[in-house]
PDB file of N, CA and C in Angstrom:
ATOM      1  N   ARG A   1       0.613  -1.277  -0.205  1.00  0.00           N
ATOM      2  CA  ARG A   1      -0.025   0.220   0.186  1.00  0.00           C
ATOM      3  C   ARG A   1       1.259   1.369   0.203  1.00  0.00           C
ATOM      4  N   SER A   2       0.035   1.979  -0.674  1.00  0.00           N
ATOM      5  CA  SER A   2       0.868   3.509  -0.459  1.00  0.00           C
ATOM      6  C   SER A   2       0.091   4.456  -0.847  1.00  0.00           C
ATOM      7  N   SER A   3       0.970   5.857  -0.157  1.00  0.00           N
ATOM      8  CA  SER A   3       0.290   7.022  -0.314  1.00  0.00           C
ATOM      9  C   SER A   3       0.304   7.795  -1.735  1.00  0.00           C
ATOM     10  N   SER A   4       0.917   7.029  -2.091  1.00  0.00           N
ATOM     11  CA  SER A   4       1.855   8.084  -3.831  1.00  0.00           C
ATOM     12  C   SER A   4       1.914   7.114  -4.732  1.00  0.00           C
ATOM     13  N   PRO A   5       1.381   6.199  -4.821  1.00  0.00           N
ATOM     14  CA  PRO A   5       1.661   4.957  -5.722  1.00  0.00           C
ATOM     15  C   PRO A   5       2.372   5.326  -7.323  1.00  0.00           C
ATOM     16  N   GLN A   6       2.276   6.366  -7.647  1.00  0.00           N
ATOM     17  CA  GLN A   6       3.168   6.630  -8.727  1.00  0.00           C
ATOM     18  C   GLN A   6       4.870   7.278  -8.566  1.00  0.00           C
ATOM     19  N   LYS A   7       5.240   8.019  -7.435  1.00  0.00           N
ATOM     20  CA  LYS A   7       6.697   7.980  -6.813  1.00  0.00           C
ATOM     21  C   LYS A   7       6.607   6.708  -6.620  1.00  0.00           C
ATOM     22  N   VAL A   8       5.916   6.370  -6.014  1.00  0.00           N
ATOM     23  CA  VAL A   8       6.419   4.696  -5.392  1.00  0.00           C
ATOM     24  C   VAL A   8       6.923   4.001  -6.784  1.00  0.00           C
ATOM     25  N   ILE A   9       5.700   3.499  -7.453  1.00  0.00           N
ATOM     26  CA  ILE A   9       6.213   2.700  -8.934  1.00  0.00           C
ATOM     27  C   ILE A   9       7.525   3.219  -9.526  1.00  0.00           C
ATOM     28  N   SER A  10       7.844   4.968  -9.366  1.00  0.00           N
ATOM     29  CA  SER A  10       8.878   5.514 -10.184  1.00  0.00           C
ATOM     30  C   SER A  10      10.167   5.493  -9.312  1.00  0.00           C
ATOM     31  N   GLU A  11       9.851   5.162  -8.005  1.00  0.00           N
ATOM     32  CA  GLU A  11      11.203   4.643  -7.086  1.00  0.00           C
ATOM     33  C   GLU A  11      11.614   3.095  -7.037  1.00  0.00           C
ATOM     34  N   LEU A  12      10.580   2.379  -7.300  1.00  0.00           N
ATOM     35  CA  LEU A  12      10.759   0.789  -6.966  1.00  0.00           C
ATOM     36  C   LEU A  12      11.417   0.475  -8.865  1.00  0.00           C
ATOM     37  N   GLU A  13      11.454   1.128  -9.626  1.00  0.00           N
ATOM     38  CA  GLU A  13      11.869   0.830 -11.137  1.00  0.00           C
ATOM     39  C   GLU A  13      13.320   1.197 -10.719  1.00  0.00           C
ATOM     40  N   LYS A  14      13.819   2.049  -9.608  1.00  0.00           N
ATOM     41  CA  LYS A  14      15.235   2.154 -10.091  1.00  0.00           C
ATOM     42  C   LYS A  14      15.967   0.927  -9.108  1.00  0.00           C
ATOM     43  N   LEU A  15      14.862   0.406  -8.623  1.00  0.00           N
ATOM     44  CA  LEU A  15      16.010  -1.389  -8.172  1.00  0.00           C
ATOM     45  C   LEU A  15      16.248  -1.939  -9.337  1.00  0.00           C
ATOM     46  N   PRO A  16      17.253  -2.683  -9.003  1.00  0.00           N
ATOM     47  CA  PRO A  16      17.721  -3.423  -9.915  1.00  0.00           C
ATOM     48  C   PRO A  16      17.202  -4.319  -9.925  1.00  0.00           C
ATOM     49  N   MET A  17      16.752  -5.008  -8.847  1.00  0.00           N
ATOM     50  CA  MET A  17      16.079  -6.367  -8.057  1.00  0.00           C
ATOM     51  C   MET A  17      14.749  -6.471  -8.842  1.00  0.00           C
ATOM     52  N   ALA A  18      14.188  -4.812  -9.031  1.00  0.00           N
ATOM     53  CA  ALA A  18      12.487  -5.419  -9.256  1.00  0.00           C
ATOM     54  C   ALA A  18      12.567  -5.635 -10.504  1.00  0.00           C
ATOM     55  N   GLN A  19      11.540  -7.165 -10.937  1.00  0.00           N
ATOM     56  CA  GLN A  19      11.667  -8.010 -11.706  1.00  0.00           C
ATOM     57  C   GLN A  19      10.074  -6.977 -12.739  1.00  0.00           C
ATOM     58  N   GLU A  20       9.367  -6.470 -12.263  1.00  0.00           N
ATOM     59  CA  GLU A  20       8.146  -6.498 -12.624  1.00  0.00           C
ATOM     60  C   GLU A  20       7.072  -5.767 -11.793  1.00  0.00           C
ATOM     61  N   ILE A  21       6.437  -4.524 -12.395  1.00  0.00           N
ATOM     62  CA  ILE A  21       6.538  -3.374 -10.877  1.00  0.00           C
ATOM     63  C   ILE A  21       4.666  -3.338 -12.034  1.00  0.00           C
ATOM     64  N   ILE A  22       3.554  -3.704 -11.094  1.00  0.00           N
ATOM     65  CA  ILE A  22       2.084  -3.627 -12.272  1.00  0.00           C
ATOM     66  C   ILE A  22       0.998  -2.964 -10.928  1.00  0.00           C
ATOM     67  N   GLY A  23       0.501  -1.537 -11.042  1.00  0.00           N
ATOM     68  CA  GLY A  23      -0.230  -1.038 -10.639  1.00  0.00           C
ATOM     69  C   GLY A  23      -1.643  -1.559 -10.391  1.00  0.00           C
ATOM     70  N   THR A  24      -2.470  -1.831  -9.464  1.00  0.00           N
ATOM     71  CA  THR A  24      -3.500  -2.357  -9.269  1.00  0.00           C
ATOM     72  C   THR A  24      -4.459  -1.900  -8.769  1.00  0.00           C
ATOM     73  N   THR A  25      -5.848  -2.230  -8.462  1.00  0.00           N
ATOM     74  CA  THR A  25      -6.943  -1.732  -7.594  1.00  0.00           C
ATOM     75  C   THR A  25      -7.060  -2.830  -6.387  1.00  0.00           C
ATOM     76  N   GLY A  26      -7.900  -2.209  -5.547  1.00  0.00           N
ATOM     77  CA  GLY A  26      -8.472  -3.081  -4.617  1.00  0.00           C
ATOM     78  C   GLY A  26      -7.737  -2.712  -3.330  1.00  0.00           C
ATOM     79  N   ASP A  27      -6.976  -3.877  -2.942  1.00  0.00           N
ATOM     80  CA  ASP A  27      -6.652  -3.945  -1.326  1.00  0.00           C
ATOM     81  C   ASP A  27      -4.949  -3.352  -1.428  1.00  0.00           C
ATOM     82  N   SER A  28      -4.416  -3.943  -2.671  1.00  0.00           N
ATOM     83  CA  SER A  28      -2.647  -3.349  -2.807  1.00  0.00           C
ATOM     84  C   SER A  28      -2.716  -2.170  -4.014  1.00  0.00           C
ATOM     85  N   ASP A  29      -2.321  -1.542  -4.128  1.00  0.00           N
ATOM     86  CA  ASP A  29      -1.876  -0.318  -5.263  1.00  0.00           C
ATOM     87  C   ASP A  29      -0.843  -0.569  -5.952  1.00  0.00           C
ATOM     88  N   ILE A  30       0.078  -1.580  -5.438  1.00  0.00           N
ATOM     89  CA  ILE A  30       1.116  -1.904  -6.116  1.00  0.00           C
ATOM     90  C   ILE A  30       1.869  -3.021  -5.740  1.00  0.00           C
ATOM     91  N   VAL A  31       1.689  -4.301  -7.100  1.00  0.00           N
ATOM     92  CA  VAL A  31       2.355  -5.523  -6.906  1.00  0.00           C
ATOM     93  C   VAL A  31       3.815  -5.646  -7.706  1.00  0.00           C
ATOM     94  N   ALA A  32       5.024  -6.129  -7.270  1.00  0.00           N
ATOM     95  CA  ALA A  32       5.965  -5.724  -7.513  1.00  0.00           C
ATOM     96  C   ALA A  32       6.712  -7.146  -7.223  1.00  0.00           C
ATOM     97  N   ARG A  33       7.113  -7.811  -8.373  1.00  0.00           N
ATOM     98  CA  ARG A  33       7.910  -8.929  -8.280  1.00  0.00           C
ATOM     99  C   ARG A  33       9.780  -8.865  -7.915  1.00  0.00           C
ATOM    100  N   ILE A  34      10.157  -8.939  -7.035  1.00  0.00           N
ATOM    101  CA  ILE A  34      11.529  -8.692  -6.682  1.00  0.00           C
ATOM    102  C   ILE A  34      11.894  -9.946  -6.582  1.00  0.00           C
ATOM    103  N   GLY A  35      13.476 -10.036  -7.245  1.00  0.00           N
ATOM    104  CA  GLY A  35      14.946 -11.313  -7.397  1.00  0.00           C
ATOM    105  C   GLY A  35      15.025 -10.735  -6.414  1.00  0.00           C
ATOM    106  N   ALA A  36      15.690 -12.455  -5.692  1.00  0.00           N
ATOM    107  CA  ALA A  36      16.578 -12.431  -5.052  1.00  0.00           C
ATOM    108  C   ALA A  36      17.009 -13.967  -4.843  1.00  0.00           C
ATOM    109  N   ALA A  37      18.632 -13.912  -4.627  1.00  0.00           N
ATOM    110  CA  ALA A  37      19.070 -14.985  -4.247  1.00  0.00           C
ATOM    111  C   ALA A  37      18.924 -15.912  -3.555  1.00  0.00           C
ATOM    112  N   SER A  38      18.049 -15.488  -2.535  1.00  0.00           N
ATOM    113  CA  SER A  38      17.796 -15.941  -1.130  1.00  0.00           C
ATOM    114  C   SER A  38      17.255 -15.093   0.062  1.00  0.00           C
ATOM    115  N   ASN A  39      16.243 -16.168   0.617  1.00  0.00           N
ATOM    116  CA  ASN A  39      15.358 -15.414   1.816  1.00  0.00           C
ATOM    117  C   ASN A  39      16.094 -14.482   2.221  1.00  0.00           C
ATOM    118  N   GLU A  40      16.963 -14.435   2.810  1.00  0.00           N
ATOM    119  CA  GLU A  40      17.481 -13.054   3.677  1.00  0.00           C
ATOM    120  C   GLU A  40      18.052 -12.189   2.448  1.00  0.00           C
ATOM    121  N   ASP A  41      18.429 -12.216   1.555  1.00  0.00           N
ATOM    122  CA  ASP A  41      18.335 -11.646   0.634  1.00  0.00           C
ATOM    123  C   ASP A  41      16.973 -10.907  -0.034  1.00  0.00           C
ATOM    124  N   LEU A  42      16.192 -11.306  -0.297  1.00  0.00           N
ATOM    125  CA  LEU A  42      14.546 -10.506   0.054  1.00  0.00           C
ATOM    126  C   LEU A  42      14.315  -9.735   1.114  1.00  0.00           C
ATOM    127  N   ARG A  43      14.727 -11.058   2.500  1.00  0.00           N
ATOM    128  CA  ARG A  43      14.316  -9.996   3.246  1.00  0.00           C
ATOM    129  C   ARG A  43      15.111  -8.343   3.732  1.00  0.00           C
ATOM    130  N   GLU A  44      16.443  -8.419   3.317  1.00  0.00           N
ATOM    131  CA  GLU A  44      17.154  -7.304   3.160  1.00  0.00           C
ATOM    132  C   GLU A  44      16.576  -6.249   2.309  1.00  0.00           C
ATOM    133  N   THR A  45      15.818  -6.653   1.117  1.00  0.00           N
ATOM    134  CA  THR A  45      15.550  -5.635  -0.022  1.00  0.00           C
ATOM    135  C   THR A  45      14.384  -5.024   0.378  1.00  0.00           C
ATOM    136  N   VAL A  46      13.424  -6.024   0.861  1.00  0.00           N
ATOM    137  CA  VAL A  46      12.188  -5.504   1.502  1.00  0.00           C
ATOM    138  C   VAL A  46      11.757  -4.655   2.392  1.00  0.00           C
ATOM    139  N   VAL A  47      12.915  -4.805   3.616  1.00  0.00           N
ATOM    140  CA  VAL A  47      12.876  -4.127   4.517  1.00  0.00           C
ATOM    141  C   VAL A  47      13.824  -3.199   4.605  1.00  0.00           C
ATOM    142  N   ASN A  48      15.137  -2.864   3.959  1.00  0.00           N
ATOM    143  CA  ASN A  48      15.669  -1.575   3.958  1.00  0.00           C
ATOM    144  C   ASN A  48      15.460  -0.745   3.142  1.00  0.00           C
ATOM    145  N   LYS A  49      15.360  -1.602   1.858  1.00  0.00           N
ATOM    146  CA  LYS A  49      14.886  -0.755   0.240  1.00  0.00           C
ATOM    147  C   LYS A  49      13.850  -0.468  -0.005  1.00  0.00           C
ATOM    148  N   VAL A  50      12.430  -1.341   0.137  1.00  0.00           N
ATOM    149  CA  VAL A  50      11.506  -1.308  -0.561  1.00  0.00           C
ATOM    150  C   VAL A  50      10.562  -0.616   0.489  1.00  0.00           C
ATOM    151  N   GLN A  51      11.026  -0.693   1.929  1.00  0.00           N
ATOM    152  CA  GLN A  51      10.278  -0.151   3.206  1.00  0.00           C
ATOM    153  C   GLN A  51      10.302   1.598   3.113  1.00  0.00           C
ATOM    154  N   SER A  52      11.670   1.770   3.054  1.00  0.00           N
ATOM    155  CA  SER A  52      12.357   2.716   2.957  1.00  0.00           C
ATOM    156  C   SER A  52      11.816   3.728   1.910  1.00  0.00           C
ATOM    157  N   ILE A  53      11.108   3.558   1.084  1.00  0.00           N
ATOM    158  CA  ILE A  53      10.513   4.127   0.189  1.00  0.00           C
ATOM    159  C   ILE A  53       9.900   5.604   0.728  1.00  0.00           C
ATOM    160  N   GLN A  54      10.326   6.851   0.326  1.00  0.00           N
ATOM    161  CA  GLN A  54       9.076   7.583   0.928  1.00  0.00           C
ATOM    162  C   GLN A  54       7.453   7.115   0.254  1.00  0.00           C
ATOM    163  N   GLY A  55       6.694   7.406   0.721  1.00  0.00           N
ATOM    164  CA  GLY A  55       5.390   6.901   0.135  1.00  0.00           C
ATOM    165  C   GLY A  55       4.321   5.325   0.365  1.00  0.00           C
ATOM    166  N   VAL A  56       5.732   4.625   0.942  1.00  0.00           N
ATOM    167  CA  VAL A  56       4.797   3.242   1.037  1.00  0.00           C
ATOM    168  C   VAL A  56       4.456   2.681   2.534  1.00  0.00           C
ATOM    169  N   VAL A  57       3.384   2.669   2.800  1.00  0.00           N
ATOM    170  CA  VAL A  57       2.850   2.801   3.876  1.00  0.00           C
ATOM    171  C   VAL A  57       2.831   1.180   4.443  1.00  0.00           C
ATOM    172  N   SER A  58       2.676   0.241   3.572  1.00  0.00           N
ATOM    173  CA  SER A  58       2.964  -0.997   4.320  1.00  0.00           C
ATOM    174  C   SER A  58       3.097  -2.114   2.851  1.00  0.00           C
ATOM    175  N   THR A  59       3.665  -3.303   3.225  1.00  0.00           N
ATOM    176  CA  THR A  59       3.959  -4.367   2.746  1.00  0.00           C
ATOM    177  C   THR A  59       3.476  -5.255   2.501  1.00  0.00           C
ATOM    178  N   GLU A  60       3.206  -6.656   1.866  1.00  0.00           N
ATOM    179  CA  GLU A  60       3.111  -7.583   2.387  1.00  0.00           C
ATOM    180  C   GLU A  60       4.169  -8.784   1.099  1.00  0.00           C
ATOM    181  N   THR A  61       4.100 -10.030   2.061  1.00  0.00           N
ATOM    182  CA  THR A  61       5.497 -10.652   1.057  1.00  0.00           C
ATOM    183  C   THR A  61       5.157 -12.349   0.991  1.00  0.00           C
ATOM    184  N   PHE A  62       5.344 -12.315  -0.489  1.00  0.00           N
ATOM    185  CA  PHE A  62       4.683 -13.615  -1.000  1.00  0.00           C
ATOM    186  C   PHE A  62       6.256 -14.147  -1.810  1.00  0.00           C
ATOM    187  N   LEU A  63       6.296 -15.203  -1.554  1.00  0.00           N
ATOM    188  CA  LEU A  63       7.347 -16.767  -1.628  1.00  0.00           C
ATOM    189  C   LEU A  63       6.781 -17.148  -3.409  1.00  0.00           C
ATOM    190  N   ALA A  64       6.993 -17.004  -4.721  1.00  0.00           N
ATOM    191  CA  ALA A  64       6.833 -17.207  -5.724  1.00  0.00           C
ATOM    192  C   ALA A  64       8.310 -18.347  -6.089  1.00  0.00           C
ATOM    193  N   PHE A  65       7.356 -19.605  -6.712  1.00  0.00           N
ATOM    194  CA  PHE A  65       8.134 -20.223  -6.921  1.00  0.00           C
ATOM    195  C   PHE A  65       8.574 -20.662  -8.742  1.00  0.00           C
ATOM    196  N   PRO A  66       9.266 -21.108  -9.495  1.00  0.00           N
ATOM    197  CA  PRO A  66       9.284 -21.114 -10.114  1.00  0.00           C
ATOM    198  C   PRO A  66       8.347 -22.562 -11.011  1.00  0.00           C
ATOM    199  N   LYS A  67       8.052 -22.150 -12.377  1.00  0.00           N
ATOM    200  CA  LYS A  67       6.752 -23.501 -13.071  1.00  0.00           C
ATOM    201  C   LYS A  67       7.931 -24.178 -12.682  1.00  0.00           C
ATOM    202  N   LEU A  68       6.895 -25.498 -12.821  1.00  0.00           N
ATOM    203  CA  LEU A  68       7.361 -26.696 -13.182  1.00  0.00           C
ATOM    204  C   LEU A  68       7.065 -27.485 -14.589  1.00  0.00           C
TER     205      LEU A  68
END
């Protein structure tokens, strides 16, 4: 969730690990797919980079697995 979706999307686009960013309607304003080598790298990215972007109100993280 964000208080300024366009600004947050612009900042997310600057992160090299952001693979896909989608504006949405409903409960969330933005869905971003973040690439990470490990769960620790993902945690570090979300906590230290995404959550520190001005306008980010809250985040929710889901692990995604490759197609079989």
